[in-house]
Amino acid sequence: MKRSFVGVILLCAILLMNIVFLQLLVHQYYFENYVAVLTYMGIMFLLFPLALWIYKKEKYKGDHSHEKE
């Protein structure tokens, strides 16, 4: 399985965004700004399926095991 650099970089960027939004979520929760907490939580829920989609796309990109003779 050969992975492209673009897919790995995208997954790293999504992980970084998840960490940043989690930190913002905790900060806003501490200051009882619940609308912002729900907004950051919604963004994190949208990023997770995106990361799964990129991972599955990269996982099967170089896999040609179904073409064996």
Protein backbone atom coordinates (compact mmCIF):
# COMPACT_ATOMS: atom_id res chain seq x y z
CA MET A 1 0.00 0.00 0.00
CA LYS A 2 1.50 3.25 -1.10
CA ARG A 3 0.13 6.39 0.47
CA SER A 4 0.37 9.84 -1.04
CA PHE A 5 1.83 12.76 0.84
CA VAL A 6 -1.31 14.81 0.19
CA GLY A 7 -3.53 12.36 2.07
CA VAL A 8 -1.18 12.18 5.04
CA ILE A 9 -0.85 15.96 5.17
CA LEU A 10 -4.64 16.35 5.01
CA LEU A 11 -5.11 13.88 7.87
CA CYS A 12 -2.50 15.72 9.93
CA ALA A 13 -4.24 19.04 9.22
CA ILE A 14 -7.59 17.60 10.31
CA LEU A 15 -6.01 16.23 13.49
CA LEU A 16 -4.52 19.66 14.19
CA MET A 17 -7.89 21.34 13.62
CA ASN A 18 -9.55 18.84 15.98
CA ILE A 19 -7.00 19.65 18.68
CA VAL A 20 -7.47 23.40 18.20
CA PHE A 21 -11.27 23.19 18.26
CA LEU A 22 -11.18 20.96 21.33
CA GLN A 23 -9.03 23.51 23.13
CA LEU A 24 -11.41 26.29 22.12
CA LEU A 25 -14.36 24.19 23.23
CA VAL A 26 -12.88 23.62 26.69
CA HIS A 27 -11.99 27.30 27.00
CA GLN A 28 -15.50 28.45 26.08
CA TYR A 29 -17.07 25.86 28.38
CA TYR A 30 -15.01 27.22 31.26
CA PHE A 31 -16.39 30.71 30.58
CA GLU A 32 -19.94 29.32 30.18
CA ASN A 33 -20.33 30.38 26.55
CA TYR A 34 -22.45 27.41 25.55
CA VAL A 35 -23.40 28.61 22.07
CA ALA A 36 -19.71 28.62 21.11
CA VAL A 37 -19.28 25.21 22.76
CA LEU A 38 -22.04 23.74 20.58
CA THR A 39 -20.56 25.42 17.50
CA TYR A 40 -17.10 23.96 18.10
CA MET A 41 -18.60 20.57 18.88
CA GLY A 42 -20.53 20.66 15.60
CA ILE A 43 -17.36 21.50 13.68
CA MET A 44 -15.56 18.60 15.35
CA PHE A 45 -18.42 16.24 14.44
CA LEU A 46 -18.09 17.33 10.82
CA LEU A 47 -14.32 16.88 10.76
CA PHE A 48 -14.43 13.28 11.99
CA PRO A 49 -16.34 11.80 9.00
CA LEU A 50 -14.13 13.85 6.68
CA ALA A 51 -11.04 12.28 8.23
CA LEU A 52 -12.55 8.80 7.91
CA TRP A 53 -13.37 9.43 4.26
CA ILE A 54 -9.81 10.59 3.50
CA TYR A 55 -8.35 7.63 5.40
CA LYS A 56 -10.47 5.07 3.50
CA LYS A 57 -9.66 6.76 0.20
CA GLU A 58 -5.93 6.62 0.95
CA LYS A 59 -6.11 3.08 2.30
CA TYR A 60 -7.52 1.66 -0.92
CA LYS A 61 -5.61 3.93 -3.29
CA GLY A 62 -2.67 1.58 -3.83
CA ASP A 63 -4.43 -1.69 -2.95
CA HIS A 64 -4.72 -3.89 -6.05
CA SER A 65 -5.21 -7.20 -4.23
CA HIS A 66 -8.56 -7.79 -5.94
CA GLU A 67 -6.80 -7.87 -9.34
CA LYS A 68 -4.68 -10.96 -8.62
CA GLU A 69 -4.71 -13.69 -11.22
